[in-house]
Amino acid sequence: MPHGEKIQHIKQWWEQDFSAFASCNFTDECFKKMVVQSRIMFRFGAIDLIQWARDKEIPMVVMSAGISEVIHASFNLLGSVEHA
């Protein structure tokens, strides 16, 4: 498949996936509940690193292609973050 055609399929998939997700009208409370009820886990040592950085007042930036609301809810469970 030519690269340009592949990109068009990826774009179409993304737009359809995003539209389906957006139509669910999830709230912050929904995401919090999802995280609490899930088996989501931080990698080994991540919680210690987050705590250490917070104690030293070192800012931490999370780069992810994941759903930001899930990431925020996960960190909020730790009681350790402020987010923009």
C-alpha atoms as a PDB file:
ATOM      1  CA  MET A   1       0.000   0.000   0.000  1.00  0.00           C
ATOM      2  CA  PRO A   2       1.471   3.374  -0.920  1.00  0.00           C
ATOM      3  CA  HIS A   3       2.387   5.648   1.992  1.00  0.00           C
ATOM      4  CA  GLY A   4      -0.155   8.337   1.036  1.00  0.00           C
ATOM      5  CA  GLU A   5      -2.974   5.790   0.929  1.00  0.00           C
ATOM      6  CA  LYS A   6      -1.901   4.372   4.292  1.00  0.00           C
ATOM      7  CA  ILE A   7      -1.967   7.863   5.822  1.00  0.00           C
ATOM      8  CA  GLN A   8      -5.505   8.409   4.536  1.00  0.00           C
ATOM      9  CA  HIS A   9      -6.656   5.150   6.162  1.00  0.00           C
ATOM     10  CA  ILE A  10      -5.001   6.109   9.440  1.00  0.00           C
ATOM     11  CA  LYS A  11      -6.617   9.543   9.331  1.00  0.00           C
ATOM     12  CA  GLN A  12     -10.028   8.039   8.598  1.00  0.00           C
ATOM     13  CA  TRP A  13      -9.618   5.517  11.440  1.00  0.00           C
ATOM     14  CA  TRP A  14      -8.588   8.270  13.863  1.00  0.00           C
ATOM     15  CA  GLU A  15     -11.527  10.507  12.962  1.00  0.00           C
ATOM     16  CA  GLN A  16     -14.038   7.659  13.315  1.00  0.00           C
ATOM     17  CA  ASP A  17     -12.518   6.473  16.573  1.00  0.00           C
ATOM     18  CA  PHE A  18     -12.430   9.991  18.018  1.00  0.00           C
ATOM     19  CA  SER A  19     -16.043  10.655  16.970  1.00  0.00           C
ATOM     20  CA  ALA A  20     -17.219   7.426  18.595  1.00  0.00           C
ATOM     21  CA  PHE A  21     -15.330   8.235  21.790  1.00  0.00           C
ATOM     22  CA  ALA A  22     -16.569  11.836  21.879  1.00  0.00           C
ATOM     23  CA  SER A  23     -20.170  10.713  21.427  1.00  0.00           C
ATOM     24  CA  CYS A  24     -19.993   8.823  24.739  1.00  0.00           C
ATOM     25  CA  ASN A  25     -19.992  12.106  26.705  1.00  0.00           C
ATOM     26  CA  PHE A  26     -17.733  10.795  29.463  1.00  0.00           C
ATOM     27  CA  THR A  27     -17.283  13.099  32.447  1.00  0.00           C
ATOM     28  CA  ASP A  28     -14.282  13.465  34.752  1.00  0.00           C
ATOM     29  CA  GLU A  29     -16.192  11.349  37.275  1.00  0.00           C
ATOM     30  CA  CYS A  30     -16.579   8.598  34.641  1.00  0.00           C
ATOM     31  CA  PHE A  31     -12.826   8.555  34.059  1.00  0.00           C
ATOM     32  CA  LYS A  32     -12.129   8.514  37.791  1.00  0.00           C
ATOM     33  CA  LYS A  33     -14.470   5.557  38.219  1.00  0.00           C
ATOM     34  CA  MET A  34     -12.886   3.756  35.259  1.00  0.00           C
ATOM     35  CA  VAL A  35      -9.424   4.153  36.749  1.00  0.00           C
ATOM     36  CA  VAL A  36     -10.501   3.075  40.243  1.00  0.00           C
ATOM     37  CA  GLN A  37     -12.230  -0.024  38.877  1.00  0.00           C
ATOM     38  CA  SER A  38      -9.472  -0.911  36.424  1.00  0.00           C
ATOM     39  CA  ARG A  39      -6.241  -2.764  36.931  1.00  0.00           C
ATOM     40  CA  ILE A  40      -4.200   0.165  35.664  1.00  0.00           C
ATOM     41  CA  MET A  41      -0.724   0.144  37.110  1.00  0.00           C
ATOM     42  CA  PHE A  42       2.308   2.373  36.967  1.00  0.00           C
ATOM     43  CA  ARG A  43       5.582   0.780  35.953  1.00  0.00           C
ATOM     44  CA  PHE A  44       7.828  -0.541  38.717  1.00  0.00           C
ATOM     45  CA  GLY A  45       9.498   2.402  40.453  1.00  0.00           C
ATOM     46  CA  ALA A  46       7.286   5.058  38.856  1.00  0.00           C
ATOM     47  CA  ILE A  47       5.426   5.934  42.046  1.00  0.00           C
ATOM     48  CA  ASP A  48       8.721   6.318  43.919  1.00  0.00           C
ATOM     49  CA  LEU A  49      10.039   8.559  41.138  1.00  0.00           C
ATOM     50  CA  ILE A  50       6.880  10.696  41.163  1.00  0.00           C
ATOM     51  CA  GLN A  51       7.057  11.048  44.960  1.00  0.00           C
ATOM     52  CA  TRP A  52      10.780  11.876  44.865  1.00  0.00           C
ATOM     53  CA  ALA A  53      10.277  14.524  42.169  1.00  0.00           C
ATOM     54  CA  ARG A  54       7.381  16.044  44.118  1.00  0.00           C
ATOM     55  CA  ASP A  55       9.431  16.139  47.332  1.00  0.00           C
ATOM     56  CA  LYS A  56      12.289  17.855  45.493  1.00  0.00           C
ATOM     57  CA  GLU A  57       9.840  20.214  43.726  1.00  0.00           C
ATOM     58  CA  ILE A  58      11.032  18.960  40.350  1.00  0.00           C
ATOM     59  CA  PRO A  59       8.386  19.359  37.651  1.00  0.00           C
ATOM     60  CA  MET A  60       7.427  16.225  35.778  1.00  0.00           C
ATOM     61  CA  VAL A  61       5.967  16.189  32.282  1.00  0.00           C
ATOM     62  CA  VAL A  62       4.167  13.122  30.993  1.00  0.00           C
ATOM     63  CA  MET A  63       4.249  12.632  27.245  1.00  0.00           C
ATOM     64  CA  SER A  64       1.685  10.119  26.091  1.00  0.00           C
ATOM     65  CA  ALA A  65      -0.584   9.316  23.196  1.00  0.00           C
ATOM     66  CA  GLY A  66      -3.020   7.969  25.758  1.00  0.00           C
ATOM     67  CA  ILE A  67      -6.290   9.506  26.862  1.00  0.00           C
ATOM     68  CA  SER A  68      -5.305  12.505  28.962  1.00  0.00           C
ATOM     69  CA  GLU A  69      -8.353  12.170  31.236  1.00  0.00           C
ATOM     70  CA  VAL A  70      -7.277   8.629  32.177  1.00  0.00           C
ATOM     71  CA  ILE A  71      -3.731   9.800  32.816  1.00  0.00           C
ATOM     72  CA  HIS A  72      -4.956  12.692  34.986  1.00  0.00           C
ATOM     73  CA  ALA A  73      -7.315  10.409  36.923  1.00  0.00           C
ATOM     74  CA  SER A  74      -4.493   7.905  37.492  1.00  0.00           C
ATOM     75  CA  PHE A  75      -2.164  10.558  38.848  1.00  0.00           C
ATOM     76  CA  ASN A  76      -4.938  12.122  40.904  1.00  0.00           C
ATOM     77  CA  LEU A  77      -5.402   8.772  42.649  1.00  0.00           C
ATOM     78  CA  LEU A  78      -1.863   9.197  43.880  1.00  0.00           C
ATOM     79  CA  GLY A  79      -2.811  12.628  45.175  1.00  0.00           C
ATOM     80  CA  SER A  80       0.371  13.936  43.718  1.00  0.00           C
ATOM     81  CA  VAL A  81      -0.203  16.101  40.717  1.00  0.00           C
ATOM     82  CA  GLU A  82      -1.399  19.298  39.311  1.00  0.00           C
ATOM     83  CA  HIS A  83      -2.124  19.285  35.643  1.00  0.00           C
ATOM     84  CA  ALA A  84      -2.772  21.771  32.912  1.00  0.00           C
END
